[in-house]
Amino acid sequence: MDVYQAFFSLKPGTKDLDFVADLTRMMEHLVDGKKIEGWRLLRAKLGLTPKSIGGEFQLLFEVRGMAQLDAAFTIAAKRSGEMEVMHFGVNSKIEDITFALYRDFPDAVRQTGEELF
């Protein structure tokens, strides 16, 4: 499983639960369409977040691989229809965003015994 992460803060004046409602609508649309496997939203506790990453919030969503992630991005990249409305509802409320992509380890295809290093 690959985990795509976004670290961000809400724009000043944005109500946190309004943002969560918009995000939930968009992410569940992606889950229902099988474009992602699942997602979580985390919020920094006690202001404890690395300065190098920044952001009060962290969004994680899981995909089965890069092809599924690309399919999710393709929907957003079209910039039209219902997804554009949902995407705008989320993006218009956030700032200072940083992204990361991680994978489960060891990889499911990992073999041992033949490594040269």
N, C-alpha and C. Protein backbone atom coordinates (compact mmCIF):
# COMPACT_ATOMS: atom_id res chain seq x y z
N MET A 1 0.85 -1.17 0.00
CA MET A 1 0.00 0.00 0.00
C MET A 1 0.90 1.23 0.00
N ASP A 2 0.55 2.21 -0.80
CA ASP A 2 1.24 3.50 -0.79
C ASP A 2 0.38 4.49 -0.02
N VAL A 3 1.05 5.37 0.72
CA VAL A 3 0.35 6.37 1.51
C VAL A 3 0.77 7.75 1.04
N TYR A 4 -0.17 8.50 0.51
CA TYR A 4 0.06 9.87 0.07
C TYR A 4 -0.31 10.78 1.23
N GLN A 5 0.57 11.72 1.54
CA GLN A 5 0.36 12.59 2.69
C GLN A 5 0.38 14.04 2.27
N ALA A 6 -0.46 14.83 2.91
CA ALA A 6 -0.46 16.28 2.72
C ALA A 6 -0.47 16.91 4.10
N PHE A 7 0.46 17.83 4.32
CA PHE A 7 0.57 18.57 5.58
C PHE A 7 0.16 20.01 5.27
N PHE A 8 -0.74 20.59 6.05
CA PHE A 8 -1.24 21.93 5.73
C PHE A 8 -1.87 22.57 6.95
N SER A 9 -2.17 23.85 6.79
CA SER A 9 -2.94 24.60 7.78
C SER A 9 -4.19 25.13 7.11
N LEU A 10 -5.16 25.48 7.91
CA LEU A 10 -6.37 26.11 7.38
C LEU A 10 -6.13 27.61 7.26
N LYS A 11 -6.73 28.21 6.25
CA LYS A 11 -6.64 29.66 6.08
C LYS A 11 -7.32 30.33 7.27
N PRO A 12 -6.83 31.49 7.66
CA PRO A 12 -7.46 32.22 8.77
C PRO A 12 -8.95 32.44 8.50
N GLY A 13 -9.75 32.25 9.52
CA GLY A 13 -11.18 32.43 9.40
C GLY A 13 -11.94 31.20 8.96
N THR A 14 -11.23 30.14 8.58
CA THR A 14 -11.89 28.92 8.14
C THR A 14 -12.34 28.13 9.36
N LYS A 15 -13.57 27.72 9.37
CA LYS A 15 -14.10 26.90 10.46
C LYS A 15 -13.67 25.45 10.23
N ASP A 16 -13.03 24.89 11.24
CA ASP A 16 -12.46 23.55 11.09
C ASP A 16 -13.49 22.49 10.71
N LEU A 17 -14.66 22.53 11.30
CA LEU A 17 -15.67 21.51 10.99
C LEU A 17 -16.31 21.72 9.62
N ASP A 18 -16.34 22.95 9.12
CA ASP A 18 -16.78 23.19 7.74
C ASP A 18 -15.79 22.56 6.77
N PHE A 19 -14.50 22.73 7.06
CA PHE A 19 -13.47 22.12 6.24
C PHE A 19 -13.60 20.60 6.25
N VAL A 20 -13.78 20.02 7.43
CA VAL A 20 -13.89 18.57 7.55
C VAL A 20 -15.08 18.05 6.75
N ALA A 21 -16.19 18.76 6.76
CA ALA A 21 -17.36 18.33 5.98
C ALA A 21 -17.04 18.31 4.48
N ASP A 22 -16.36 19.35 4.00
CA ASP A 22 -15.99 19.41 2.58
C ASP A 22 -14.98 18.32 2.23
N LEU A 23 -13.99 18.14 3.09
CA LEU A 23 -12.98 17.11 2.84
C LEU A 23 -13.60 15.72 2.84
N THR A 24 -14.47 15.45 3.79
CA THR A 24 -15.12 14.14 3.87
C THR A 24 -15.91 13.85 2.60
N ARG A 25 -16.63 14.85 2.12
CA ARG A 25 -17.41 14.68 0.89
C ARG A 25 -16.49 14.28 -0.27
N MET A 26 -15.37 14.98 -0.42
CA MET A 26 -14.46 14.70 -1.53
C MET A 26 -13.77 13.34 -1.37
N MET A 27 -13.27 13.06 -0.18
CA MET A 27 -12.52 11.81 0.01
C MET A 27 -13.44 10.60 -0.10
N GLU A 28 -14.64 10.68 0.42
CA GLU A 28 -15.57 9.56 0.31
C GLU A 28 -16.01 9.35 -1.14
N HIS A 29 -16.07 10.41 -1.91
CA HIS A 29 -16.35 10.30 -3.35
C HIS A 29 -15.23 9.48 -4.02
N LEU A 30 -13.99 9.74 -3.64
CA LEU A 30 -12.86 8.99 -4.19
C LEU A 30 -12.87 7.54 -3.74
N VAL A 31 -13.22 7.30 -2.48
CA VAL A 31 -13.33 5.92 -1.98
C VAL A 31 -14.44 5.18 -2.72
N ASP A 32 -15.61 5.81 -2.82
CA ASP A 32 -16.74 5.18 -3.50
C ASP A 32 -16.43 4.85 -4.95
N GLY A 33 -15.64 5.71 -5.60
CA GLY A 33 -15.24 5.48 -6.98
C GLY A 33 -14.03 4.58 -7.12
N LYS A 34 -13.57 4.03 -6.00
CA LYS A 34 -12.41 3.11 -5.96
C LYS A 34 -11.13 3.76 -6.48
N LYS A 35 -11.04 5.09 -6.32
CA LYS A 35 -9.83 5.81 -6.71
C LYS A 35 -8.80 5.84 -5.59
N ILE A 36 -9.25 5.65 -4.35
CA ILE A 36 -8.37 5.48 -3.20
C ILE A 36 -8.97 4.38 -2.33
N GLU A 37 -8.14 3.80 -1.47
CA GLU A 37 -8.61 2.73 -0.60
C GLU A 37 -9.21 3.26 0.70
N GLY A 38 -8.64 4.31 1.24
CA GLY A 38 -9.12 4.87 2.49
C GLY A 38 -8.35 6.13 2.82
N TRP A 39 -8.76 6.81 3.88
CA TRP A 39 -8.11 8.07 4.23
C TRP A 39 -8.29 8.37 5.71
N ARG A 40 -7.45 9.27 6.21
CA ARG A 40 -7.53 9.76 7.59
C ARG A 40 -7.11 11.22 7.60
N LEU A 41 -7.71 11.97 8.50
CA LEU A 41 -7.30 13.35 8.74
C LEU A 41 -6.80 13.42 10.18
N LEU A 42 -5.61 13.95 10.35
CA LEU A 42 -5.01 14.11 11.67
C LEU A 42 -4.78 15.59 11.95
N ARG A 43 -4.85 15.96 13.21
CA ARG A 43 -4.58 17.33 13.63
C ARG A 43 -3.51 17.31 14.70
N ALA A 44 -2.56 18.23 14.61
CA ALA A 44 -1.48 18.29 15.59
C ALA A 44 -2.06 18.47 16.99
N LYS A 45 -1.48 17.75 17.90
CA LYS A 45 -1.91 17.84 19.30
C LYS A 45 -0.88 18.66 20.06
N LEU A 46 -1.35 19.61 20.83
CA LEU A 46 -0.50 20.49 21.63
C LEU A 46 0.48 21.28 20.76
N GLY A 47 0.14 21.47 19.49
CA GLY A 47 1.02 22.22 18.59
C GLY A 47 2.29 21.48 18.23
N LEU A 48 2.34 20.18 18.48
CA LEU A 48 3.56 19.40 18.23
C LEU A 48 3.59 18.91 16.79
N THR A 49 4.31 19.63 15.98
CA THR A 49 4.52 19.26 14.58
C THR A 49 5.90 19.76 14.16
N PRO A 50 6.65 18.99 13.37
CA PRO A 50 7.97 19.44 12.95
C PRO A 50 7.90 20.72 12.12
N LYS A 51 8.76 21.69 12.42
CA LYS A 51 8.77 22.95 11.67
C LYS A 51 9.07 22.71 10.19
N SER A 52 9.91 21.71 9.90
CA SER A 52 10.28 21.45 8.51
C SER A 52 9.08 20.96 7.69
N ILE A 53 8.11 20.35 8.34
CA ILE A 53 6.91 19.90 7.64
C ILE A 53 5.84 20.97 7.72
N GLY A 54 5.65 21.50 8.89
CA GLY A 54 4.65 22.54 9.08
C GLY A 54 3.24 22.02 8.98
N GLY A 55 2.33 22.90 9.21
CA GLY A 55 0.93 22.54 9.08
C GLY A 55 0.34 21.94 10.34
N GLU A 56 -0.86 22.36 10.62
CA GLU A 56 -1.58 21.85 11.78
C GLU A 56 -2.27 20.53 11.48
N PHE A 57 -2.52 20.28 10.18
CA PHE A 57 -3.26 19.09 9.77
C PHE A 57 -2.40 18.19 8.90
N GLN A 58 -2.74 16.91 8.91
CA GLN A 58 -2.10 15.93 8.03
C GLN A 58 -3.22 15.06 7.45
N LEU A 59 -3.26 14.99 6.14
CA LEU A 59 -4.20 14.13 5.43
C LEU A 59 -3.42 12.95 4.89
N LEU A 60 -3.88 11.76 5.16
CA LEU A 60 -3.26 10.55 4.63
C LEU A 60 -4.31 9.81 3.81
N PHE A 61 -3.91 9.37 2.62
CA PHE A 61 -4.81 8.45 1.93
C PHE A 61 -4.00 7.35 1.28
N GLU A 62 -4.62 6.17 1.30
CA GLU A 62 -3.96 4.97 0.84
C GLU A 62 -4.42 4.59 -0.56
N VAL A 63 -3.44 4.15 -1.36
CA VAL A 63 -3.72 3.64 -2.69
C VAL A 63 -2.97 2.33 -2.87
N ARG A 64 -3.47 1.49 -3.76
CA ARG A 64 -2.84 0.19 -4.01
C ARG A 64 -1.56 0.31 -4.82
N GLY A 65 -1.28 1.45 -5.37
CA GLY A 65 -0.08 1.64 -6.17
C GLY A 65 -0.18 2.93 -6.94
N MET A 66 0.84 3.19 -7.72
CA MET A 66 0.92 4.45 -8.44
C MET A 66 -0.17 4.59 -9.50
N ALA A 67 -0.64 3.49 -10.07
CA ALA A 67 -1.70 3.57 -11.07
C ALA A 67 -2.99 4.08 -10.45
N GLN A 68 -3.32 3.61 -9.25
CA GLN A 68 -4.53 4.08 -8.58
C GLN A 68 -4.38 5.55 -8.17
N LEU A 69 -3.19 5.92 -7.70
CA LEU A 69 -2.95 7.32 -7.34
C LEU A 69 -3.09 8.21 -8.57
N ASP A 70 -2.56 7.77 -9.69
CA ASP A 70 -2.67 8.54 -10.93
C ASP A 70 -4.13 8.68 -11.36
N ALA A 71 -4.91 7.65 -11.17
CA ALA A 71 -6.34 7.71 -11.50
C ALA A 71 -7.05 8.75 -10.64
N ALA A 72 -6.69 8.81 -9.36
CA ALA A 72 -7.28 9.83 -8.47
C ALA A 72 -6.87 11.22 -8.92
N PHE A 73 -5.60 11.39 -9.26
CA PHE A 73 -5.12 12.70 -9.71
C PHE A 73 -5.76 13.10 -11.04
N THR A 74 -6.00 12.14 -11.90
CA THR A 74 -6.61 12.43 -13.20
C THR A 74 -8.00 13.02 -13.03
N ILE A 75 -8.75 12.51 -12.07
CA ILE A 75 -10.09 13.07 -11.83
C ILE A 75 -9.99 14.54 -11.43
N ALA A 76 -9.06 14.84 -10.52
CA ALA A 76 -8.90 16.23 -10.07
C ALA A 76 -8.34 17.11 -11.19
N ALA A 77 -7.45 16.56 -12.00
CA ALA A 77 -6.81 17.34 -13.06
C ALA A 77 -7.77 17.77 -14.16
N LYS A 78 -8.88 17.08 -14.29
CA LYS A 78 -9.88 17.46 -15.32
C LYS A 78 -10.46 18.84 -15.06
N ARG A 79 -10.48 19.24 -13.77
CA ARG A 79 -10.96 20.57 -13.38
C ARG A 79 -12.37 20.84 -13.90
N SER A 80 -13.24 19.83 -13.76
CA SER A 80 -14.63 20.01 -14.20
C SER A 80 -15.55 19.13 -13.36
N GLY A 81 -16.82 19.43 -13.47
CA GLY A 81 -17.84 18.59 -12.85
C GLY A 81 -17.86 18.64 -11.34
N GLU A 82 -18.48 17.61 -10.78
CA GLU A 82 -18.67 17.51 -9.34
C GLU A 82 -17.35 17.51 -8.57
N MET A 83 -16.33 16.84 -9.11
CA MET A 83 -15.04 16.79 -8.43
C MET A 83 -14.41 18.16 -8.35
N GLU A 84 -14.55 18.98 -9.36
CA GLU A 84 -13.97 20.33 -9.32
C GLU A 84 -14.62 21.16 -8.21
N VAL A 85 -15.92 21.02 -8.05
CA VAL A 85 -16.62 21.74 -6.97
C VAL A 85 -16.11 21.27 -5.61
N MET A 86 -15.98 19.95 -5.44
CA MET A 86 -15.48 19.41 -4.16
C MET A 86 -14.02 19.80 -3.93
N HIS A 87 -13.21 19.71 -4.97
CA HIS A 87 -11.79 20.04 -4.85
C HIS A 87 -11.62 21.51 -4.47
N PHE A 88 -12.38 22.38 -5.09
CA PHE A 88 -12.34 23.80 -4.75
C PHE A 88 -12.77 24.02 -3.30
N GLY A 89 -13.80 23.30 -2.86
CA GLY A 89 -14.28 23.43 -1.50
C GLY A 89 -13.23 23.10 -0.46
N VAL A 90 -12.32 22.23 -0.82
CA VAL A 90 -11.21 21.86 0.08
C VAL A 90 -10.03 22.81 -0.11
N ASN A 91 -9.57 22.95 -1.34
CA ASN A 91 -8.36 23.74 -1.60
C ASN A 91 -8.50 25.21 -1.24
N SER A 92 -9.70 25.74 -1.34
CA SER A 92 -9.89 27.16 -1.02
C SER A 92 -9.80 27.44 0.48
N LYS A 93 -9.73 26.40 1.28
CA LYS A 93 -9.70 26.57 2.73
C LYS A 93 -8.33 26.27 3.35
N ILE A 94 -7.36 25.85 2.54
CA ILE A 94 -6.06 25.46 3.10
C ILE A 94 -4.93 26.34 2.58
N GLU A 95 -3.80 26.31 3.32
CA GLU A 95 -2.60 27.03 2.90
C GLU A 95 -1.38 26.29 3.40
N ASP A 96 -0.22 26.71 2.89
CA ASP A 96 1.07 26.15 3.34
C ASP A 96 1.09 24.63 3.25
N ILE A 97 0.82 24.11 2.07
CA ILE A 97 0.72 22.66 1.92
C ILE A 97 2.04 22.04 1.46
N THR A 98 2.36 20.90 2.02
CA THR A 98 3.54 20.10 1.66
C THR A 98 3.07 18.67 1.47
N PHE A 99 3.66 17.97 0.50
CA PHE A 99 3.23 16.60 0.18
C PHE A 99 4.36 15.61 0.42
N ALA A 100 3.97 14.35 0.65
CA ALA A 100 4.92 13.25 0.79
C ALA A 100 4.24 11.98 0.27
N LEU A 101 5.05 11.01 -0.11
CA LEU A 101 4.54 9.72 -0.57
C LEU A 101 5.39 8.63 0.06
N TYR A 102 4.76 7.75 0.80
CA TYR A 102 5.44 6.63 1.46
C TYR A 102 4.82 5.33 1.00
N ARG A 103 5.50 4.22 1.33
CA ARG A 103 5.00 2.89 0.99
C ARG A 103 5.16 1.98 2.19
N ASP A 104 4.36 0.91 2.19
CA ASP A 104 4.56 -0.11 3.21
C ASP A 104 5.94 -0.71 3.02
N PHE A 105 6.57 -1.09 4.12
CA PHE A 105 7.89 -1.69 4.03
C PHE A 105 7.98 -2.83 5.03
N PRO A 106 8.54 -3.95 4.67
CA PRO A 106 9.13 -4.21 3.35
C PRO A 106 8.05 -4.38 2.29
N ASP A 107 8.43 -4.08 1.07
CA ASP A 107 7.50 -4.19 -0.05
C ASP A 107 7.03 -5.64 -0.19
N ALA A 108 5.80 -5.81 -0.66
CA ALA A 108 5.24 -7.16 -0.82
C ALA A 108 6.06 -7.99 -1.81
N VAL A 109 6.75 -7.36 -2.74
CA VAL A 109 7.53 -8.09 -3.75
C VAL A 109 8.97 -8.34 -3.30
N ARG A 110 9.33 -7.86 -2.14
CA ARG A 110 10.72 -7.97 -1.65
C ARG A 110 11.13 -9.42 -1.47
N GLN A 111 12.30 -9.74 -2.02
CA GLN A 111 12.91 -11.06 -1.87
C GLN A 111 14.20 -10.90 -1.10
N THR A 112 14.62 -11.94 -0.43
CA THR A 112 15.90 -11.89 0.29
C THR A 112 16.78 -13.04 -0.18
N GLY A 113 18.08 -12.82 0.00
CA GLY A 113 19.06 -13.85 -0.32
C GLY A 113 19.83 -13.59 -1.61
N GLU A 114 19.34 -12.73 -2.47
CA GLU A 114 20.03 -12.45 -3.73
C GLU A 114 20.57 -11.02 -3.81
N GLU A 115 20.44 -10.26 -2.71
CA GLU A 115 20.87 -8.88 -2.73
C GLU A 115 22.38 -8.78 -2.93
N LEU A 116 22.81 -7.79 -3.70
CA LEU A 116 24.23 -7.58 -3.92
C LEU A 116 24.77 -6.47 -3.02
N PHE A 117 23.92 -5.78 -2.33
CA PHE A 117 24.35 -4.76 -1.36
C PHE A 117 23.38 -4.71 -0.22
